[in-house]
Amino acid sequence: NERPLTQKSNYGIEPVNNTIFGLNSNFSTEIPFLTRLANKLPNIDTDVPSNLSLRGEVAFLQPNSPKNADFQGETTT
């Protein structure tokens, strides 16, 4: 969360009140079916388990102006 230090703003610099939301996720599992499928290929014989791993990340920035700055609730650019 980002907020201005003072209620005053200099020319060319606008106060901000940005909020960032984020989510990270990891998923991992063993899939013995893939090991058995690989063993059916010619010249391949393995006993190491197969793994499936998924990773994801999502982020969102919500721009806003501070309540004490008189911009009628709008963020200017």
PDB file of N, CA and C in Angstrom:
ATOM      1  N   ASN A   1       0.863  -1.165   0.000  1.00  0.00           N
ATOM      2  CA  ASN A   1       0.000   0.000   0.000  1.00  0.00           C
ATOM      3  C   ASN A   1       0.914   1.232   0.000  1.00  0.00           C
ATOM      4  N   GLU A   2       0.657   2.172  -0.874  1.00  0.00           N
ATOM      5  CA  GLU A   2       1.502   3.355  -1.041  1.00  0.00           C
ATOM      6  C   GLU A   2       0.667   4.595  -0.788  1.00  0.00           C
ATOM      7  N   ARG A   3       1.150   5.485   0.081  1.00  0.00           N
ATOM      8  CA  ARG A   3       0.418   6.711   0.419  1.00  0.00           C
ATOM      9  C   ARG A   3       1.371   7.896   0.405  1.00  0.00           C
ATOM     10  N   PRO A   4       0.842   9.100   0.209  1.00  0.00           N
ATOM     11  CA  PRO A   4       1.718  10.272   0.217  1.00  0.00           C
ATOM     12  C   PRO A   4       2.202  10.588   1.629  1.00  0.00           C
ATOM     13  N   LEU A   5       3.359  11.262   1.700  1.00  0.00           N
ATOM     14  CA  LEU A   5       3.901  11.639   3.005  1.00  0.00           C
ATOM     15  C   LEU A   5       3.168  12.838   3.595  1.00  0.00           C
ATOM     16  N   THR A   6       2.757  13.782   2.746  1.00  0.00           N
ATOM     17  CA  THR A   6       2.058  14.978   3.213  1.00  0.00           C
ATOM     18  C   THR A   6       0.803  15.185   2.391  1.00  0.00           C
ATOM     19  N   GLN A   7      -0.044  16.113   2.831  1.00  0.00           N
ATOM     20  CA  GLN A   7      -1.254  16.427   2.081  1.00  0.00           C
ATOM     21  C   GLN A   7      -0.956  17.367   0.921  1.00  0.00           C
ATOM     22  N   LYS A   8       0.216  18.002   0.933  1.00  0.00           N
ATOM     23  CA  LYS A   8       0.575  18.926  -0.136  1.00  0.00           C
ATOM     24  C   LYS A   8       1.202  18.154  -1.288  1.00  0.00           C
ATOM     25  N   SER A   9       1.054  18.670  -2.487  1.00  0.00           N
ATOM     26  CA  SER A   9       1.728  18.060  -3.627  1.00  0.00           C
ATOM     27  C   SER A   9       2.446  19.134  -4.420  1.00  0.00           C
ATOM     28  N   ASN A  10       3.618  18.795  -4.918  1.00  0.00           N
ATOM     29  CA  ASN A  10       4.404  19.710  -5.736  1.00  0.00           C
ATOM     30  C   ASN A  10       3.886  19.715  -7.163  1.00  0.00           C
ATOM     31  N   TYR A  11       4.226  20.774  -7.886  1.00  0.00           N
ATOM     32  CA  TYR A  11       3.818  20.874  -9.284  1.00  0.00           C
ATOM     33  C   TYR A  11       4.434  19.723 -10.081  1.00  0.00           C
ATOM     34  N   GLY A  12       3.615  18.996 -10.824  1.00  0.00           N
ATOM     35  CA  GLY A  12       4.086  17.886 -11.640  1.00  0.00           C
ATOM     36  C   GLY A  12       4.181  16.558 -10.904  1.00  0.00           C
ATOM     37  N   ILE A  13       3.971  16.573  -9.607  1.00  0.00           N
ATOM     38  CA  ILE A  13       4.012  15.339  -8.821  1.00  0.00           C
ATOM     39  C   ILE A  13       2.670  15.199  -8.124  1.00  0.00           C
ATOM     40  N   GLU A  14       1.970  14.109  -8.412  1.00  0.00           N
ATOM     41  CA  GLU A  14       0.648  13.910  -7.840  1.00  0.00           C
ATOM     42  C   GLU A  14       0.702  12.889  -6.712  1.00  0.00           C
ATOM     43  N   PRO A  15      -0.049  13.109  -5.640  1.00  0.00           N
ATOM     44  CA  PRO A  15      -0.093  12.111  -4.567  1.00  0.00           C
ATOM     45  C   PRO A  15      -0.829  10.859  -5.042  1.00  0.00           C
ATOM     46  N   VAL A  16      -0.403   9.716  -4.539  1.00  0.00           N
ATOM     47  CA  VAL A  16      -1.009   8.451  -4.943  1.00  0.00           C
ATOM     48  C   VAL A  16      -1.440   7.663  -3.714  1.00  0.00           C
ATOM     49  N   ASN A  17      -2.367   6.767  -3.926  1.00  0.00           N
ATOM     50  CA  ASN A  17      -2.806   5.808  -2.917  1.00  0.00           C
ATOM     51  C   ASN A  17      -3.049   4.493  -3.646  1.00  0.00           C
ATOM     52  N   ASN A  18      -1.971   3.856  -4.090  1.00  0.00           N
ATOM     53  CA  ASN A  18      -2.064   2.621  -4.857  1.00  0.00           C
ATOM     54  C   ASN A  18      -2.118   1.421  -3.935  1.00  0.00           C
ATOM     55  N   THR A  19      -2.850   0.390  -4.367  1.00  0.00           N
ATOM     56  CA  THR A  19      -2.920  -0.865  -3.641  1.00  0.00           C
ATOM     57  C   THR A  19      -2.589  -1.993  -4.613  1.00  0.00           C
ATOM     58  N   ILE A  20      -1.727  -2.914  -4.180  1.00  0.00           N
ATOM     59  CA  ILE A  20      -1.338  -4.045  -5.012  1.00  0.00           C
ATOM     60  C   ILE A  20      -1.842  -5.322  -4.356  1.00  0.00           C
ATOM     61  N   PHE A  21      -2.537  -6.142  -5.146  1.00  0.00           N
ATOM     62  CA  PHE A  21      -3.005  -7.451  -4.698  1.00  0.00           C
ATOM     63  C   PHE A  21      -2.203  -8.505  -5.451  1.00  0.00           C
ATOM     64  N   GLY A  22      -1.814  -9.564  -4.776  1.00  0.00           N
ATOM     65  CA  GLY A  22      -1.053 -10.612  -5.435  1.00  0.00           C
ATOM     66  C   GLY A  22      -1.364 -11.983  -4.868  1.00  0.00           C
ATOM     67  N   LEU A  23      -1.145 -13.009  -5.699  1.00  0.00           N
ATOM     68  CA  LEU A  23      -1.384 -14.390  -5.302  1.00  0.00           C
ATOM     69  C   LEU A  23      -0.346 -15.268  -5.971  1.00  0.00           C
ATOM     70  N   ASN A  24       0.337 -16.090  -5.190  1.00  0.00           N
ATOM     71  CA  ASN A  24       1.281 -17.086  -5.692  1.00  0.00           C
ATOM     72  C   ASN A  24       0.749 -18.459  -5.348  1.00  0.00           C
ATOM     73  N   SER A  25       0.961 -19.423  -6.254  1.00  0.00           N
ATOM     74  CA  SER A  25       0.473 -20.765  -6.007  1.00  0.00           C
ATOM     75  C   SER A  25       1.445 -21.795  -6.571  1.00  0.00           C
ATOM     76  N   ASN A  26       1.612 -22.905  -5.858  1.00  0.00           N
ATOM     77  CA  ASN A  26       2.428 -24.036  -6.301  1.00  0.00           C
ATOM     78  C   ASN A  26       1.630 -25.306  -6.097  1.00  0.00           C
ATOM     79  N   PHE A  27       1.738 -26.237  -7.077  1.00  0.00           N
ATOM     80  CA  PHE A  27       1.074 -27.529  -6.974  1.00  0.00           C
ATOM     81  C   PHE A  27       2.018 -28.577  -7.532  1.00  0.00           C
ATOM     82  N   SER A  28       2.193 -29.687  -6.819  1.00  0.00           N
ATOM     83  CA  SER A  28       3.072 -30.763  -7.267  1.00  0.00           C
ATOM     84  C   SER A  28       2.459 -32.091  -6.857  1.00  0.00           C
ATOM     85  N   THR A  29       2.517 -33.068  -7.762  1.00  0.00           N
ATOM     86  CA  THR A  29       1.981 -34.392  -7.467  1.00  0.00           C
ATOM     87  C   THR A  29       2.727 -35.444  -8.283  1.00  0.00           C
ATOM     88  N   GLU A  30       2.731 -36.672  -7.795  1.00  0.00           N
ATOM     89  CA  GLU A  30       3.309 -37.788  -8.534  1.00  0.00           C
ATOM     90  C   GLU A  30       2.249 -38.378  -9.448  1.00  0.00           C
ATOM     91  N   ILE A  31       2.692 -38.792 -10.656  1.00  0.00           N
ATOM     92  CA  ILE A  31       1.776 -39.399 -11.625  1.00  0.00           C
ATOM     93  C   ILE A  31       2.399 -40.716 -12.083  1.00  0.00           C
ATOM     94  N   PRO A  32       2.071 -41.826 -11.414  1.00  0.00           N
ATOM     95  CA  PRO A  32       2.662 -43.116 -11.793  1.00  0.00           C
ATOM     96  C   PRO A  32       2.258 -43.563 -13.204  1.00  0.00           C
ATOM     97  N   PHE A  33       1.132 -43.077 -13.692  1.00  0.00           N
ATOM     98  CA  PHE A  33       0.666 -43.434 -15.035  1.00  0.00           C
ATOM     99  C   PHE A  33       1.695 -43.042 -16.098  1.00  0.00           C
ATOM    100  N   LEU A  34       2.333 -41.878 -15.937  1.00  0.00           N
ATOM    101  CA  LEU A  34       3.332 -41.434 -16.918  1.00  0.00           C
ATOM    102  C   LEU A  34       4.565 -42.328 -16.895  1.00  0.00           C
ATOM    103  N   THR A  35       4.942 -42.855 -15.739  1.00  0.00           N
ATOM    104  CA  THR A  35       6.078 -43.776 -15.658  1.00  0.00           C
ATOM    105  C   THR A  35       5.756 -45.071 -16.387  1.00  0.00           C
ATOM    106  N   ARG A  36       4.559 -45.591 -16.159  1.00  0.00           N
ATOM    107  CA  ARG A  36       4.154 -46.814 -16.855  1.00  0.00           C
ATOM    108  C   ARG A  36       4.072 -46.582 -18.361  1.00  0.00           C
ATOM    109  N   LEU A  37       3.595 -45.405 -18.776  1.00  0.00           N
ATOM    110  CA  LEU A  37       3.514 -45.077 -20.200  1.00  0.00           C
ATOM    111  C   LEU A  37       4.905 -44.973 -20.817  1.00  0.00           C
ATOM    112  N   ALA A  38       5.854 -44.392 -20.094  1.00  0.00           N
ATOM    113  CA  ALA A  38       7.229 -44.283 -20.593  1.00  0.00           C
ATOM    114  C   ALA A  38       7.876 -45.663 -20.711  1.00  0.00           C
ATOM    115  N   ASN A  39       7.552 -46.576 -19.808  1.00  0.00           N
ATOM    116  CA  ASN A  39       8.108 -47.929 -19.876  1.00  0.00           C
ATOM    117  C   ASN A  39       7.629 -48.705 -21.094  1.00  0.00           C
ATOM    118  N   LYS A  40       6.532 -48.323 -21.690  1.00  0.00           N
ATOM    119  CA  LYS A  40       6.024 -49.002 -22.888  1.00  0.00           C
ATOM    120  C   LYS A  40       6.794 -48.605 -24.142  1.00  0.00           C
ATOM    121  N   LEU A  41       7.570 -47.526 -24.070  1.00  0.00           N
ATOM    122  CA  LEU A  41       8.386 -47.118 -25.202  1.00  0.00           C
ATOM    123  C   LEU A  41       9.561 -48.082 -25.349  1.00  0.00           C
ATOM    124  N   PRO A  42      10.005 -48.317 -26.595  1.00  0.00           N
ATOM    125  CA  PRO A  42      11.123 -49.249 -26.777  1.00  0.00           C
ATOM    126  C   PRO A  42      12.422 -48.681 -26.192  1.00  0.00           C
ATOM    127  N   ASN A  43      13.243 -49.559 -25.625  1.00  0.00           N
ATOM    128  CA  ASN A  43      14.557 -49.248 -25.058  1.00  0.00           C
ATOM    129  C   ASN A  43      14.491 -48.346 -23.822  1.00  0.00           C
ATOM    130  N   ILE A  44      13.336 -48.221 -23.185  1.00  0.00           N
ATOM    131  CA  ILE A  44      13.224 -47.412 -21.968  1.00  0.00           C
ATOM    132  C   ILE A  44      12.669 -48.292 -20.859  1.00  0.00           C
ATOM    133  N   ASP A  45      13.386 -48.339 -19.738  1.00  0.00           N
ATOM    134  CA  ASP A  45      12.940 -49.073 -18.562  1.00  0.00           C
ATOM    135  C   ASP A  45      13.328 -48.242 -17.339  1.00  0.00           C
ATOM    136  N   THR A  46      12.350 -47.626 -16.715  1.00  0.00           N
ATOM    137  CA  THR A  46      12.620 -46.738 -15.581  1.00  0.00           C
ATOM    138  C   THR A  46      11.730 -47.099 -14.399  1.00  0.00           C
ATOM    139  N   ASP A  47      12.231 -46.842 -13.220  1.00  0.00           N
ATOM    140  CA  ASP A  47      11.424 -47.030 -12.013  1.00  0.00           C
ATOM    141  C   ASP A  47      11.334 -45.726 -11.204  1.00  0.00           C
ATOM    142  N   VAL A  48      11.792 -44.614 -11.800  1.00  0.00           N
ATOM    143  CA  VAL A  48      11.732 -43.298 -11.162  1.00  0.00           C
ATOM    144  C   VAL A  48      10.312 -42.752 -11.328  1.00  0.00           C
ATOM    145  N   PRO A  49       9.659 -42.305 -10.240  1.00  0.00           N
ATOM    146  CA  PRO A  49       8.282 -41.788 -10.373  1.00  0.00           C
ATOM    147  C   PRO A  49       8.234 -40.487 -11.168  1.00  0.00           C
ATOM    148  N   SER A  50       7.178 -40.310 -11.945  1.00  0.00           N
ATOM    149  CA  SER A  50       6.956 -39.084 -12.717  1.00  0.00           C
ATOM    150  C   SER A  50       6.261 -38.059 -11.841  1.00  0.00           C
ATOM    151  N   ASN A  51       6.625 -36.801 -12.019  1.00  0.00           N
ATOM    152  CA  ASN A  51       6.046 -35.712 -11.232  1.00  0.00           C
ATOM    153  C   ASN A  51       5.448 -34.667 -12.151  1.00  0.00           C
ATOM    154  N   LEU A  52       4.380 -34.039 -11.684  1.00  0.00           N
ATOM    155  CA  LEU A  52       3.767 -32.909 -12.373  1.00  0.00           C
ATOM    156  C   LEU A  52       3.819 -31.721 -11.419  1.00  0.00           C
ATOM    157  N   SER A  53       4.386 -30.598 -11.900  1.00  0.00           N
ATOM    158  CA  SER A  53       4.487 -29.390 -11.082  1.00  0.00           C
ATOM    159  C   SER A  53       3.899 -28.213 -11.839  1.00  0.00           C
ATOM    160  N   LEU A  54       3.072 -27.443 -11.165  1.00  0.00           N
ATOM    161  CA  LEU A  54       2.480 -26.235 -11.734  1.00  0.00           C
ATOM    162  C   LEU A  54       2.764 -25.063 -10.801  1.00  0.00           C
ATOM    163  N   ARG A  55       3.126 -23.930 -11.398  1.00  0.00           N
ATOM    164  CA  ARG A  55       3.351 -22.706 -10.630  1.00  0.00           C
ATOM    165  C   ARG A  55       2.600 -21.571 -11.298  1.00  0.00           C
ATOM    166  N   GLY A  56       2.051 -20.687 -10.493  1.00  0.00           N
ATOM    167  CA  GLY A  56       1.319 -19.554 -11.044  1.00  0.00           C
ATOM    168  C   GLY A  56       1.427 -18.335 -10.155  1.00  0.00           C
ATOM    169  N   GLU A  57       1.328 -17.170 -10.782  1.00  0.00           N
ATOM    170  CA  GLU A  57       1.385 -15.910 -10.049  1.00  0.00           C
ATOM    171  C   GLU A  57       0.471 -14.914 -10.744  1.00  0.00           C
ATOM    172  N   VAL A  58      -0.302 -14.198  -9.946  1.00  0.00           N
ATOM    173  CA  VAL A  58      -1.215 -13.178 -10.457  1.00  0.00           C
ATOM    174  C   VAL A  58      -1.037 -11.930  -9.605  1.00  0.00           C
ATOM    175  N   ALA A  59      -0.986 -10.765 -10.249  1.00  0.00           N
ATOM    176  CA  ALA A  59      -0.868  -9.505  -9.521  1.00  0.00           C
ATOM    177  C   ALA A  59      -1.813  -8.480 -10.139  1.00  0.00           C
ATOM    178  N   PHE A  60      -2.322  -7.578  -9.304  1.00  0.00           N
ATOM    179  CA  PHE A  60      -3.257  -6.556  -9.750  1.00  0.00           C
ATOM    180  C   PHE A  60      -2.940  -5.261  -9.020  1.00  0.00           C
ATOM    181  N   LEU A  61      -2.823  -4.174  -9.758  1.00  0.00           N
ATOM    182  CA  LEU A  61      -2.574  -2.848  -9.182  1.00  0.00           C
ATOM    183  C   LEU A  61      -3.861  -2.042  -9.274  1.00  0.00           C
ATOM    184  N   GLN A  62      -4.323  -1.536  -8.138  1.00  0.00           N
ATOM    185  CA  GLN A  62      -5.518  -0.696  -8.095  1.00  0.00           C
ATOM    186  C   GLN A  62      -5.082   0.739  -7.814  1.00  0.00           C
ATOM    187  N   PRO A  63      -5.011   1.585  -8.866  1.00  0.00           N
ATOM    188  CA  PRO A  63      -4.598   2.970  -8.655  1.00  0.00           C
ATOM    189  C   PRO A  63      -5.736   3.781  -8.033  1.00  0.00           C
ATOM    190  N   ASN A  64      -5.366   4.737  -7.209  1.00  0.00           N
ATOM    191  CA  ASN A  64      -6.361   5.581  -6.551  1.00  0.00           C
ATOM    192  C   ASN A  64      -5.677   6.852  -6.083  1.00  0.00           C
ATOM    193  N   SER A  65      -6.462   7.835  -5.748  1.00  0.00           N
ATOM    194  CA  SER A  65      -5.913   9.067  -5.179  1.00  0.00           C
ATOM    195  C   SER A  65      -6.287   9.116  -3.701  1.00  0.00           C
ATOM    196  N   PRO A  66      -5.476   9.784  -2.880  1.00  0.00           N
ATOM    197  CA  PRO A  66      -5.779   9.859  -1.455  1.00  0.00           C
ATOM    198  C   PRO A  66      -7.063  10.644  -1.188  1.00  0.00           C
ATOM    199  N   LYS A  67      -7.729  10.310  -0.096  1.00  0.00           N
ATOM    200  CA  LYS A  67      -8.989  10.975   0.244  1.00  0.00           C
ATOM    201  C   LYS A  67      -8.783  12.436   0.622  1.00  0.00           C
ATOM    202  N   ASN A  68      -7.595  12.759   1.162  1.00  0.00           N
ATOM    203  CA  ASN A  68      -7.380  14.135   1.581  1.00  0.00           C
ATOM    204  C   ASN A  68      -6.962  15.046   0.414  1.00  0.00           C
ATOM    205  N   ALA A  69      -6.716  14.500  -0.780  1.00  0.00           N
ATOM    206  CA  ALA A  69      -6.449  15.314  -1.968  1.00  0.00           C
ATOM    207  C   ALA A  69      -7.780  15.517  -2.680  1.00  0.00           C
ATOM    208  N   ASP A  70      -8.060  16.719  -3.120  1.00  0.00           N
ATOM    209  CA  ASP A  70      -9.367  17.046  -3.683  1.00  0.00           C
ATOM    210  C   ASP A  70      -9.389  16.792  -5.193  1.00  0.00           C
ATOM    211  N   PHE A  71      -9.485  15.484  -5.590  1.00  0.00           N
ATOM    212  CA  PHE A  71      -9.579  15.124  -7.004  1.00  0.00           C
ATOM    213  C   PHE A  71     -10.949  14.531  -7.336  1.00  0.00           C
ATOM    214  N   GLN A  72     -11.931  14.701  -6.502  1.00  0.00           N
ATOM    215  CA  GLN A  72     -13.282  14.156  -6.662  1.00  0.00           C
ATOM    216  C   GLN A  72     -13.241  12.636  -6.861  1.00  0.00           C
ATOM    217  N   GLY A  73     -12.353  11.946  -6.166  1.00  0.00           N
ATOM    218  CA  GLY A  73     -12.284  10.498  -6.223  1.00  0.00           C
ATOM    219  C   GLY A  73     -11.672   9.939  -7.485  1.00  0.00           C
ATOM    220  N   GLU A  74     -11.086  10.780  -8.340  1.00  0.00           N
ATOM    221  CA  GLU A  74     -10.498  10.300  -9.588  1.00  0.00           C
ATOM    222  C   GLU A  74      -8.971  10.434  -9.533  1.00  0.00           C
ATOM    223  N   THR A  75      -8.327   9.491 -10.156  1.00  0.00           N
ATOM    224  CA  THR A  75      -6.885   9.544 -10.272  1.00  0.00           C
ATOM    225  C   THR A  75      -6.537  10.195 -11.595  1.00  0.00           C
ATOM    226  N   THR A  76      -5.705  11.198 -11.568  1.00  0.00           N
ATOM    227  CA  THR A  76      -5.311  11.874 -12.805  1.00  0.00           C
ATOM    228  C   THR A  76      -4.004  11.301 -13.313  1.00  0.00           C
ATOM    229  N   THR A  77      -3.800  11.390 -14.632  1.00  0.00           N
ATOM    230  CA  THR A  77      -2.554  10.858 -15.211  1.00  0.00           C
ATOM    231  C   THR A  77      -1.799  11.941 -15.934  1.00  0.00           C
TER     232      THR A  77
END
